[in-house]
Each structure stands twice: as C-alpha cells, then as structure tokens.
Amino acid sequence: MKSLVFTHLSPEIIQYKLPKLLRNRGIKTTLFCLKNIDRDYYGEAFDEIYSLDLINLKLFTVVKNVAMNPRRFVNFFYKLFSVKPDAVISECPP
C-alpha cells in the first residue's frame, strides 16, 4: 500500500479534498499538523492524524506547551521522523 504524508500548519479545504480522494483509492494518508484541528472532520480524509494542538505559533505559546507537555512533543517529532512515506506534500510559508 502506498502512503502519503501531508504537513500543514492548519489544513484548509483543499488539504481535505485531495487526501479524501486518495484515501478512497486505497492510499494511506497521514497528517502532521502544528495547530488545532477538528479531528472528527479531518478524520474522514486521513488515516492517521498527529497534531501538537497549538493555539498559535508565538514563542511564548510554544515554550509553554513544550514545558507543560514534553512527552507530546517528543512523540510528535519521533513519529514525524520515523514514518517512511512514498511521497510528502507540505505547505510552506508565503
């Protein structure tokens, strides 16, 4: 089975439609996201969802969340670097 990984700050509608189409065709889709997402809505499009559940990307917020939940950050980056996809589709800043 082929697999695709999507990485986004917070997914938008186009990042929902493409993975849903690919998932229906039998391709495993995984999402890595930094911000909060609606897991029920995006769960239909992705087989696996990994998120840091950040409210925003300000330095204080990130440091506070790392200090409060260090295990979540370690697990997130472990999964990010250990997955071996066939292709990666990522969003970059403008």
Protein backbone atom coordinates (compact mmCIF):
# COMPACT_ATOMS: atom_id res chain seq x y z
CA MET A 1 0.00 0.00 0.00
CA LYS A 2 1.35 3.39 -0.94
CA SER A 3 1.44 6.12 1.67
CA LEU A 4 1.40 9.90 1.58
CA VAL A 5 2.24 12.35 4.36
CA PHE A 6 0.74 15.83 4.49
CA THR A 7 2.33 18.50 6.68
CA HIS A 8 0.50 21.77 7.33
CA LEU A 9 0.20 24.47 9.95
CA SER A 10 -3.57 24.05 9.87
CA PRO A 11 -5.23 22.31 6.92
CA GLU A 12 -7.68 24.10 4.66
CA ILE A 13 -10.42 22.74 2.41
CA ILE A 14 -8.06 21.75 -0.43
CA GLN A 15 -5.98 19.78 2.05
CA TYR A 16 -9.19 17.91 2.89
CA LYS A 17 -10.41 17.11 -0.61
CA LEU A 18 -7.19 15.66 -2.01
CA PRO A 19 -6.45 13.24 0.87
CA LYS A 20 -10.07 12.10 0.96
CA LEU A 21 -9.92 11.27 -2.75
CA LEU A 22 -6.60 9.46 -2.33
CA ARG A 23 -7.83 7.56 0.72
CA ASN A 24 -10.87 6.34 -1.22
CA ARG A 25 -8.46 4.96 -3.84
CA GLY A 26 -6.60 2.91 -1.23
CA ILE A 27 -3.64 5.18 -0.49
CA LYS A 28 -2.74 5.59 3.18
CA THR A 29 -2.81 9.26 4.19
CA THR A 30 -1.19 10.75 7.29
CA LEU A 31 -1.44 14.34 8.54
CA PHE A 32 1.15 16.14 10.66
CA CYS A 33 -0.20 19.47 11.86
CA LEU A 34 1.07 22.09 14.29
CA LYS A 35 -2.15 23.93 15.11
CA ASN A 36 -5.53 22.81 16.46
CA ILE A 37 -7.70 20.89 14.02
CA ASP A 38 -11.14 19.31 14.06
CA ARG A 39 -10.25 15.62 14.30
CA ASP A 40 -13.81 14.49 13.55
CA TYR A 41 -13.97 16.44 10.30
CA TYR A 42 -10.45 15.67 9.07
CA GLY A 43 -10.64 12.07 10.32
CA GLU A 44 -12.65 11.22 7.20
CA ALA A 45 -9.76 12.27 4.96
CA PHE A 46 -6.75 10.97 6.88
CA ASP A 47 -5.92 7.53 8.24
CA GLU A 48 -3.64 8.95 10.94
CA ILE A 49 -3.56 12.45 12.42
CA TYR A 50 -0.70 13.79 14.55
CA SER A 51 -1.01 17.30 15.93
CA LEU A 52 0.70 19.47 18.51
CA ASP A 53 -2.62 21.30 19.12
CA LEU A 54 -1.01 24.73 19.36
CA ILE A 55 -3.28 27.76 19.51
CA ASN A 56 -0.77 29.95 17.68
CA LEU A 57 2.94 29.88 16.85
CA LYS A 58 4.09 32.68 19.15
CA LEU A 59 7.25 31.86 21.06
CA PHE A 60 5.61 32.07 24.49
CA THR A 61 2.83 29.66 23.48
CA VAL A 62 5.23 27.12 22.02
CA VAL A 63 7.60 27.22 25.01
CA LYS A 64 4.68 26.96 27.44
CA ASN A 65 3.25 23.92 25.64
CA VAL A 66 6.65 22.24 25.47
CA ALA A 67 7.14 22.79 29.20
CA MET A 68 3.64 21.54 30.06
CA ASN A 69 3.61 18.51 27.72
CA PRO A 70 7.15 17.46 26.78
CA ARG A 71 6.11 13.88 26.03
CA ARG A 72 3.63 15.01 23.37
CA PHE A 73 6.35 17.00 21.57
CA VAL A 74 8.82 14.12 21.70
CA ASN A 75 6.21 11.66 20.39
CA PHE A 76 5.16 14.06 17.62
CA PHE A 77 8.69 14.54 16.30
CA TYR A 78 9.52 10.84 16.75
CA LYS A 79 6.54 9.90 14.56
CA LEU A 80 7.43 12.65 12.08
CA PHE A 81 10.97 11.37 11.59
CA SER A 82 10.19 7.65 11.82
CA VAL A 83 7.44 7.44 9.19
CA LYS A 84 8.64 6.25 5.76
CA PRO A 85 6.16 7.59 3.17
CA ASP A 86 6.29 7.21 -0.60
CA ALA A 87 5.67 10.95 -1.02
CA VAL A 88 5.29 14.06 1.12
CA ILE A 89 3.06 17.03 0.39
CA SER A 90 3.84 20.02 2.57
CA GLU A 91 2.71 23.59 2.93
CA CYS A 92 5.34 26.27 3.09
CA PRO A 93 5.00 29.85 4.31
CA PRO A 94 4.50 32.55 1.69
